[in-house]
C-alpha cells in the first residue's frame, strides 16, 4: 500500500502553499498600511492647517515605520517559501522503477555464484534507465555492464 503524500498535484506541500498565502496577506497589509499612513498625514496636515511639504521628514518617517515593515515581512516569508519549494523539488522523485518494484520478496543467501556481480550490473542498468528518463545519455560503462548482464543471464538460462 502506498503512503499518502502531503504534496499535491502541483508539487508543493501544504506548508509551502500556506506560506505563500501568508506572504500575500502581508503584502496586502503593506498596501493597506501605506494607504492609511498617507491618509493620516493628509488629514493631520489639513486639521492643523499645515502643508504636507512643511512636515516632509516626519511624514516620510511615519510612512516608513508604519507600512514598510509589512513589506519586509512579506519579502522574507516569500523568500523562505521559495527556498522550501526548491528544496522539496530536490527530494527523491517517485519514478516508474521505484513505484513498481516489489520490495517484499528478497533473495535468500543461497544464491548462485556470480549473482553479486549481476546485482551491481542491474543497479547500473537501473541508473542508466533513470538517466534516460531524465533526458541524459547513459554512460558507456553502464551500457557495457548492461550487455554483460544480458550475456550472463543467457548463459545461466542455458545451464
Protein backbone atom coordinates (compact mmCIF):
# COMPACT_ATOMS: atom_id res chain seq x y z
CA UNK A 1 0.00 0.00 0.00
CA UNK A 2 1.30 3.43 -0.88
CA UNK A 3 1.63 6.17 1.68
CA UNK A 4 -0.31 9.31 1.02
CA UNK A 5 1.93 12.28 0.48
CA UNK A 6 1.13 15.81 1.57
CA UNK A 7 2.34 17.10 -1.79
CA UNK A 8 -0.46 17.98 -4.17
CA UNK A 9 -0.53 17.70 -7.97
CA UNK A 10 1.38 20.99 -8.27
CA UNK A 11 4.32 19.50 -6.39
CA UNK A 12 4.01 21.85 -3.41
CA UNK A 13 3.25 20.82 0.11
CA UNK A 14 0.56 22.40 2.25
CA UNK A 15 3.17 24.32 4.24
CA UNK A 16 4.60 25.97 1.14
CA UNK A 17 1.14 26.93 -0.08
CA UNK A 18 0.23 28.30 3.35
CA UNK A 19 3.40 30.39 3.48
CA UNK A 20 2.67 31.81 0.01
CA UNK A 21 -0.79 32.82 1.25
CA UNK A 22 0.70 34.41 4.40
CA UNK A 23 3.16 36.31 2.22
CA UNK A 24 0.32 37.59 0.00
CA UNK A 25 -1.70 38.66 3.06
CA UNK A 26 1.29 40.56 4.40
CA UNK A 27 1.75 42.27 1.03
CA UNK A 28 -1.91 43.31 1.16
CA UNK A 29 -1.34 44.62 4.70
CA UNK A 30 1.57 46.67 3.35
CA UNK A 31 -0.70 48.31 0.78
CA UNK A 32 -3.35 48.99 3.43
CA UNK A 33 -0.80 50.40 5.92
CA UNK A 34 0.75 52.59 3.21
CA UNK A 35 -2.65 53.97 2.23
CA UNK A 36 -3.76 54.55 5.82
CA UNK A 37 -0.44 56.23 6.72
CA UNK A 38 -0.71 58.64 3.80
CA UNK A 39 -4.34 59.39 4.60
CA UNK A 40 -3.45 60.03 8.25
CA UNK A 41 -0.73 62.52 7.29
CA UNK A 42 -3.02 64.31 4.84
CA UNK A 43 -5.81 64.54 7.42
CA UNK A 44 -3.38 65.63 10.15
CA UNK A 45 -1.97 68.40 7.94
CA UNK A 46 -5.47 69.55 6.96
CA UNK A 47 -6.78 69.62 10.53
CA UNK A 48 -3.86 71.68 11.89
CA UNK A 49 -3.51 73.95 8.85
CA UNK A 50 -0.03 72.77 7.96
CA UNK A 51 1.07 71.71 4.47
CA UNK A 52 2.46 68.24 3.94
CA UNK A 53 5.64 69.69 2.42
CA UNK A 54 6.36 71.51 5.71
CA UNK A 55 6.47 68.23 7.60
CA UNK A 56 8.02 66.07 4.85
CA UNK A 57 10.70 64.49 7.12
CA UNK A 58 8.16 63.47 9.74
CA UNK A 59 5.71 62.18 7.17
CA UNK A 60 8.30 60.00 5.41
CA UNK A 61 9.42 58.61 8.75
CA UNK A 62 5.82 57.86 9.75
CA UNK A 63 5.11 56.10 6.45
CA UNK A 64 8.32 54.04 6.61
CA UNK A 65 7.77 52.93 10.20
CA UNK A 66 4.12 52.01 9.78
CA UNK A 67 3.99 50.35 6.38
CA UNK A 68 7.35 49.13 5.12
CA UNK A 69 7.79 46.65 7.94
CA UNK A 70 4.89 44.68 6.39
CA UNK A 71 6.71 44.71 3.05
CA UNK A 72 9.87 43.42 4.72
CA UNK A 73 7.94 40.61 6.45
CA UNK A 74 6.21 39.65 3.19
CA UNK A 75 9.52 39.60 1.32
CA UNK A 76 11.26 37.49 3.96
CA UNK A 77 8.44 34.94 4.13
CA UNK A 78 8.25 34.82 0.34
CA UNK A 79 12.00 34.13 0.16
CA UNK A 80 11.79 31.39 2.78
CA UNK A 81 8.85 29.85 0.95
CA UNK A 82 10.68 29.93 -2.35
CA UNK A 83 13.67 28.15 -0.76
CA UNK A 84 11.41 25.49 0.78
CA UNK A 85 9.77 24.92 -2.58
CA UNK A 86 13.14 24.46 -4.24
CA UNK A 87 14.30 22.08 -1.52
CA UNK A 88 11.18 19.97 -1.88
CA UNK A 89 11.78 19.75 -5.61
CA UNK A 90 15.24 18.26 -4.99
CA UNK A 91 13.93 15.38 -2.89
CA UNK A 92 13.73 11.82 -4.17
CA UNK A 93 11.27 11.62 -7.01
CA UNK A 94 8.94 8.69 -7.50
CA UNK A 95 9.83 7.05 -10.81
CA UNK A 96 8.33 4.07 -12.53
CA UNK A 97 11.24 1.94 -11.38
CA UNK A 98 10.76 2.67 -7.68
CA UNK A 99 6.98 2.80 -7.85
CA UNK A 100 6.57 -0.65 -9.36
CA UNK A 101 9.41 -2.52 -7.68
CA UNK A 102 8.25 -5.10 -5.18
CA UNK A 103 10.39 -4.93 -2.06
CA UNK A 104 8.52 -7.67 -0.20
CA UNK A 105 10.38 -10.54 -1.88
CA UNK A 106 14.08 -10.68 -1.11
CA UNK A 107 16.60 -13.11 -2.45
CA UNK A 108 17.89 -15.65 0.02
CA UNK A 109 21.53 -16.26 0.90
CA UNK A 110 21.74 -19.49 -1.15
CA UNK A 111 22.41 -17.52 -4.31
CA UNK A 112 24.45 -18.92 -7.14
CA UNK A 113 28.00 -17.65 -7.51
CA UNK A 114 28.16 -14.62 -9.73
CA UNK A 115 24.84 -13.22 -8.54
CA UNK A 116 26.61 -10.39 -6.71
CA UNK A 117 28.15 -9.28 -10.00
CA UNK A 118 24.74 -9.31 -11.63
CA UNK A 119 23.21 -7.20 -8.89
CA UNK A 120 25.79 -4.45 -9.39
CA UNK A 121 25.19 -4.61 -13.13
CA UNK A 122 21.46 -4.46 -12.57
CA UNK A 123 21.85 -1.40 -10.36
CA UNK A 124 23.96 0.29 -13.05
CA UNK A 125 21.35 -0.51 -15.70
CA UNK A 126 18.67 0.89 -13.39
CA UNK A 127 20.72 4.08 -13.04
CA UNK A 128 21.01 4.24 -16.81
CA UNK A 129 17.25 3.82 -17.15
CA UNK A 130 16.69 6.71 -14.74
CA UNK A 131 19.17 8.83 -16.71
CA UNK A 132 17.32 8.03 -19.93
CA UNK A 133 14.01 9.08 -18.32
CA UNK A 134 15.64 12.34 -17.19
CA UNK A 135 16.88 13.01 -20.72
CA UNK A 136 20.55 12.23 -20.14
CA UNK A 137 22.58 9.81 -22.17
CA UNK A 138 23.57 6.64 -20.29
CA UNK A 139 27.24 6.20 -19.63
CA UNK A 140 29.32 3.87 -21.83
CA UNK A 141 30.37 1.95 -18.74
CA UNK A 142 26.73 1.32 -17.83
CA UNK A 143 25.91 0.16 -21.36
CA UNK A 144 28.83 -2.29 -21.32
CA UNK A 145 27.74 -3.68 -17.95
CA UNK A 146 24.17 -3.98 -19.19
CA UNK A 147 25.35 -6.02 -22.20
CA UNK A 148 27.46 -8.22 -19.90
CA UNK A 149 24.44 -8.77 -17.66
CA UNK A 150 22.33 -9.89 -20.60
CA UNK A 151 25.02 -12.35 -21.66
CA UNK A 152 25.33 -13.73 -18.09
CA UNK A 153 21.60 -14.31 -17.82
CA UNK A 154 21.54 -16.04 -21.21
CA UNK A 155 24.36 -18.35 -20.05
CA UNK A 156 22.55 -19.13 -16.79
CA UNK A 157 19.33 -19.89 -18.66
CA UNK A 158 21.19 -22.32 -20.94
CA UNK A 159 22.64 -24.20 -17.92
